[in-house]
Amino acid sequence: MTGSEKERAVMLGEYTVEHSATVRATAKHFGISKSTVHKDLTERLPKAAPALYGQVRELLELNKRERHIRGGLATKHKYELSARLKKKV
């Protein structure tokens, strides 16, 4: 593993914790794929910064527990928007 991968993992971990960001939001911010962010946070970060990994792991678990709620809200917004557009026509 090169130093740049370790540095990137630490940078992604710090951003994720500071902004309470999801893997998807972190990937979008840095312009890289979700799978790269996930791999960096779960495989590379524990070796590079174990203390930071503990914080990131807690946040990833929280996001995992809440993902069904976020999905439901996204679906709700989708249908509310659809209903508003139908009323305008």
N, C-alpha and C. Protein backbone atom coordinates (compact mmCIF):
# COMPACT_ATOMS: atom_id res chain seq x y z
N MET A 1 0.85 -1.17 0.00
CA MET A 1 0.00 0.00 0.00
C MET A 1 0.90 1.24 0.00
N THR A 2 0.60 2.16 -0.85
CA THR A 2 1.40 3.37 -0.93
C THR A 2 0.98 4.37 0.14
N GLY A 3 1.87 5.32 0.42
CA GLY A 3 1.55 6.35 1.41
C GLY A 3 0.34 7.16 1.01
N SER A 4 0.16 7.37 -0.27
CA SER A 4 -0.97 8.19 -0.70
C SER A 4 -2.32 7.53 -0.37
N GLU A 5 -2.38 6.21 -0.44
CA GLU A 5 -3.63 5.53 -0.08
C GLU A 5 -3.92 5.69 1.40
N LYS A 6 -2.89 5.61 2.23
CA LYS A 6 -3.07 5.80 3.67
C LYS A 6 -3.50 7.23 3.97
N GLU A 7 -2.87 8.18 3.30
CA GLU A 7 -3.23 9.59 3.50
C GLU A 7 -4.66 9.84 3.07
N ARG A 8 -5.05 9.25 1.94
CA ARG A 8 -6.41 9.43 1.45
C ARG A 8 -7.41 8.83 2.43
N ALA A 9 -7.10 7.66 2.99
CA ALA A 9 -7.99 7.02 3.96
C ALA A 9 -8.18 7.91 5.18
N VAL A 10 -7.10 8.51 5.66
CA VAL A 10 -7.19 9.40 6.83
C VAL A 10 -8.00 10.64 6.47
N MET A 11 -7.76 11.20 5.29
CA MET A 11 -8.48 12.39 4.86
C MET A 11 -9.99 12.10 4.75
N LEU A 12 -10.34 10.95 4.18
CA LEU A 12 -11.75 10.57 4.05
C LEU A 12 -12.37 10.33 5.43
N GLY A 13 -11.63 9.71 6.31
CA GLY A 13 -12.13 9.47 7.66
C GLY A 13 -12.39 10.75 8.42
N GLU A 14 -11.45 11.69 8.31
CA GLU A 14 -11.62 12.97 9.00
C GLU A 14 -12.84 13.72 8.46
N TYR A 15 -13.01 13.73 7.14
CA TYR A 15 -14.15 14.42 6.53
C TYR A 15 -15.46 13.77 6.98
N THR A 16 -15.49 12.45 6.95
CA THR A 16 -16.70 11.72 7.32
C THR A 16 -17.12 12.03 8.75
N VAL A 17 -16.15 12.05 9.66
CA VAL A 17 -16.47 12.32 11.07
C VAL A 17 -16.86 13.78 11.27
N GLU A 18 -16.11 14.71 10.68
CA GLU A 18 -16.39 16.14 10.87
C GLU A 18 -17.77 16.53 10.36
N HIS A 19 -18.19 15.93 9.26
CA HIS A 19 -19.46 16.31 8.64
C HIS A 19 -20.57 15.29 8.89
N SER A 20 -20.29 14.25 9.67
CA SER A 20 -21.26 13.16 9.89
C SER A 20 -21.83 12.70 8.55
N ALA A 21 -20.94 12.52 7.59
CA ALA A 21 -21.33 12.21 6.22
C ALA A 21 -21.51 10.72 6.00
N THR A 22 -22.33 10.40 5.02
CA THR A 22 -22.48 9.02 4.59
C THR A 22 -21.35 8.71 3.61
N VAL A 23 -21.19 7.43 3.30
CA VAL A 23 -20.18 7.03 2.32
C VAL A 23 -20.49 7.69 0.98
N ARG A 24 -21.76 7.72 0.62
CA ARG A 24 -22.17 8.32 -0.65
C ARG A 24 -21.85 9.82 -0.70
N ALA A 25 -22.13 10.53 0.39
CA ALA A 25 -21.86 11.97 0.44
C ALA A 25 -20.35 12.24 0.40
N THR A 26 -19.58 11.41 1.10
CA THR A 26 -18.13 11.57 1.10
C THR A 26 -17.58 11.33 -0.30
N ALA A 27 -18.06 10.29 -0.96
CA ALA A 27 -17.61 9.99 -2.32
C ALA A 27 -17.92 11.14 -3.28
N LYS A 28 -19.10 11.70 -3.15
CA LYS A 28 -19.49 12.81 -4.01
C LYS A 28 -18.60 14.02 -3.77
N HIS A 29 -18.31 14.31 -2.51
CA HIS A 29 -17.48 15.47 -2.16
C HIS A 29 -16.08 15.35 -2.76
N PHE A 30 -15.49 14.15 -2.70
CA PHE A 30 -14.13 13.95 -3.19
C PHE A 30 -14.06 13.52 -4.64
N GLY A 31 -15.20 13.24 -5.25
CA GLY A 31 -15.22 12.86 -6.66
C GLY A 31 -14.64 11.49 -6.93
N ILE A 32 -14.85 10.55 -6.00
CA ILE A 32 -14.39 9.18 -6.18
C ILE A 32 -15.56 8.24 -5.95
N SER A 33 -15.37 6.96 -6.25
CA SER A 33 -16.48 6.01 -6.15
C SER A 33 -16.79 5.65 -4.70
N LYS A 34 -18.03 5.22 -4.49
CA LYS A 34 -18.46 4.80 -3.16
C LYS A 34 -17.65 3.59 -2.69
N SER A 35 -17.35 2.69 -3.61
CA SER A 35 -16.60 1.50 -3.23
C SER A 35 -15.19 1.84 -2.78
N THR A 36 -14.57 2.85 -3.38
CA THR A 36 -13.24 3.29 -2.96
C THR A 36 -13.30 3.89 -1.57
N VAL A 37 -14.30 4.71 -1.31
CA VAL A 37 -14.46 5.32 0.02
C VAL A 37 -14.68 4.22 1.05
N HIS A 38 -15.56 3.29 0.75
CA HIS A 38 -15.86 2.22 1.70
C HIS A 38 -14.61 1.38 1.99
N LYS A 39 -13.87 1.04 0.95
CA LYS A 39 -12.66 0.24 1.13
C LYS A 39 -11.64 1.00 1.97
N ASP A 40 -11.47 2.29 1.67
CA ASP A 40 -10.52 3.11 2.43
C ASP A 40 -10.92 3.18 3.90
N LEU A 41 -12.20 3.37 4.17
CA LEU A 41 -12.66 3.54 5.54
C LEU A 41 -12.67 2.24 6.33
N THR A 42 -12.92 1.12 5.68
CA THR A 42 -13.04 -0.13 6.42
C THR A 42 -11.78 -0.99 6.41
N GLU A 43 -10.94 -0.86 5.39
CA GLU A 43 -9.75 -1.70 5.30
C GLU A 43 -8.44 -0.95 5.52
N ARG A 44 -8.33 0.23 4.95
CA ARG A 44 -7.06 0.96 5.04
C ARG A 44 -6.96 1.84 6.29
N LEU A 45 -8.06 2.44 6.70
CA LEU A 45 -8.05 3.35 7.84
C LEU A 45 -7.66 2.67 9.16
N PRO A 46 -8.12 1.44 9.43
CA PRO A 46 -7.72 0.82 10.71
C PRO A 46 -6.20 0.68 10.86
N LYS A 47 -5.51 0.47 9.75
CA LYS A 47 -4.05 0.33 9.78
C LYS A 47 -3.37 1.69 9.88
N ALA A 48 -3.97 2.70 9.26
CA ALA A 48 -3.35 4.02 9.21
C ALA A 48 -3.64 4.86 10.46
N ALA A 49 -4.86 4.81 10.97
CA ALA A 49 -5.26 5.62 12.12
C ALA A 49 -6.33 4.89 12.92
N PRO A 50 -5.91 3.99 13.81
CA PRO A 50 -6.88 3.18 14.56
C PRO A 50 -7.87 3.99 15.40
N ALA A 51 -7.43 5.10 15.99
CA ALA A 51 -8.33 5.91 16.82
C ALA A 51 -9.42 6.54 15.96
N LEU A 52 -9.05 7.06 14.81
CA LEU A 52 -10.02 7.66 13.90
C LEU A 52 -10.97 6.59 13.37
N TYR A 53 -10.45 5.40 13.13
CA TYR A 53 -11.29 4.31 12.64
C TYR A 53 -12.42 4.01 13.61
N GLY A 54 -12.16 4.08 14.90
CA GLY A 54 -13.21 3.84 15.89
C GLY A 54 -14.38 4.80 15.73
N GLN A 55 -14.07 6.07 15.50
CA GLN A 55 -15.12 7.07 15.30
C GLN A 55 -15.87 6.82 13.99
N VAL A 56 -15.12 6.49 12.94
CA VAL A 56 -15.73 6.24 11.64
C VAL A 56 -16.62 5.01 11.71
N ARG A 57 -16.17 3.99 12.40
CA ARG A 57 -16.95 2.75 12.51
C ARG A 57 -18.30 3.01 13.19
N GLU A 58 -18.29 3.82 14.25
CA GLU A 58 -19.54 4.17 14.92
C GLU A 58 -20.49 4.88 13.98
N LEU A 59 -19.95 5.82 13.18
CA LEU A 59 -20.77 6.57 12.24
C LEU A 59 -21.31 5.66 11.14
N LEU A 60 -20.49 4.74 10.64
CA LEU A 60 -20.95 3.81 9.61
C LEU A 60 -22.07 2.91 10.15
N GLU A 61 -21.93 2.48 11.39
CA GLU A 61 -22.98 1.65 12.00
C GLU A 61 -24.28 2.45 12.17
N LEU A 62 -24.16 3.70 12.59
CA LEU A 62 -25.34 4.56 12.72
C LEU A 62 -26.03 4.73 11.38
N ASN A 63 -25.25 5.01 10.34
CA ASN A 63 -25.82 5.18 9.00
C ASN A 63 -26.50 3.90 8.53
N LYS A 64 -25.90 2.77 8.87
CA LYS A 64 -26.49 1.49 8.48
C LYS A 64 -27.83 1.26 9.18
N ARG A 65 -27.90 1.64 10.46
CA ARG A 65 -29.16 1.48 11.20
C ARG A 65 -30.25 2.42 10.68
N GLU A 66 -29.86 3.57 10.13
CA GLU A 66 -30.85 4.57 9.70
C GLU A 66 -31.16 4.53 8.21
N ARG A 67 -30.50 3.68 7.44
CA ARG A 67 -30.67 3.73 5.99
C ARG A 67 -32.09 3.43 5.53
N HIS A 68 -32.81 2.56 6.21
CA HIS A 68 -34.18 2.26 5.81
C HIS A 68 -35.08 3.48 6.00
N ILE A 69 -34.77 4.30 6.98
CA ILE A 69 -35.55 5.52 7.21
C ILE A 69 -35.29 6.52 6.09
N ARG A 70 -34.03 6.68 5.73
CA ARG A 70 -33.68 7.60 4.64
C ARG A 70 -34.32 7.17 3.33
N GLY A 71 -34.34 5.87 3.09
CA GLY A 71 -34.96 5.35 1.86
C GLY A 71 -36.44 5.65 1.83
N GLY A 72 -37.10 5.48 2.97
CA GLY A 72 -38.53 5.77 3.05
C GLY A 72 -38.82 7.24 2.83
N LEU A 73 -37.98 8.10 3.39
CA LEU A 73 -38.18 9.55 3.20
C LEU A 73 -37.96 9.94 1.74
N ALA A 74 -36.99 9.33 1.10
CA ALA A 74 -36.73 9.63 -0.31
C ALA A 74 -37.92 9.23 -1.17
N THR A 75 -38.50 8.08 -0.87
CA THR A 75 -39.68 7.63 -1.61
C THR A 75 -40.86 8.55 -1.36
N LYS A 76 -41.03 8.98 -0.12
CA LYS A 76 -42.12 9.90 0.23
C LYS A 76 -41.98 11.20 -0.55
N HIS A 77 -40.78 11.75 -0.58
CA HIS A 77 -40.55 13.01 -1.32
C HIS A 77 -40.81 12.83 -2.81
N LYS A 78 -40.43 11.69 -3.33
CA LYS A 78 -40.64 11.40 -4.75
C LYS A 78 -42.13 11.46 -5.10
N TYR A 79 -42.94 10.81 -4.28
CA TYR A 79 -44.37 10.78 -4.58
C TYR A 79 -45.06 12.11 -4.26
N GLU A 80 -44.57 12.84 -3.27
CA GLU A 80 -45.12 14.17 -3.01
C GLU A 80 -44.86 15.11 -4.19
N LEU A 81 -43.66 15.05 -4.74
CA LEU A 81 -43.31 15.87 -5.90
C LEU A 81 -44.18 15.49 -7.09
N SER A 82 -44.35 14.20 -7.28
CA SER A 82 -45.19 13.71 -8.39
C SER A 82 -46.62 14.21 -8.25
N ALA A 83 -47.15 14.19 -7.04
CA ALA A 83 -48.52 14.64 -6.79
C ALA A 83 -48.64 16.15 -7.05
N ARG A 84 -47.64 16.93 -6.63
CA ARG A 84 -47.69 18.38 -6.86
C ARG A 84 -47.63 18.71 -8.35
N LEU A 85 -46.83 17.95 -9.10
CA LEU A 85 -46.74 18.19 -10.53
C LEU A 85 -48.05 17.85 -11.24
N LYS A 86 -48.75 16.82 -10.80
CA LYS A 86 -50.02 16.45 -11.38
C LYS A 86 -51.09 17.50 -11.12
N LYS A 87 -51.04 18.13 -9.94
CA LYS A 87 -52.02 19.17 -9.61
C LYS A 87 -51.83 20.40 -10.47
N LYS A 88 -50.61 20.70 -10.86
CA LYS A 88 -50.34 21.88 -11.67
C LYS A 88 -50.82 21.73 -13.10
N VAL A 89 -50.96 20.51 -13.57
CA VAL A 89 -51.35 20.26 -14.95
C VAL A 89 -52.79 20.37 -15.15
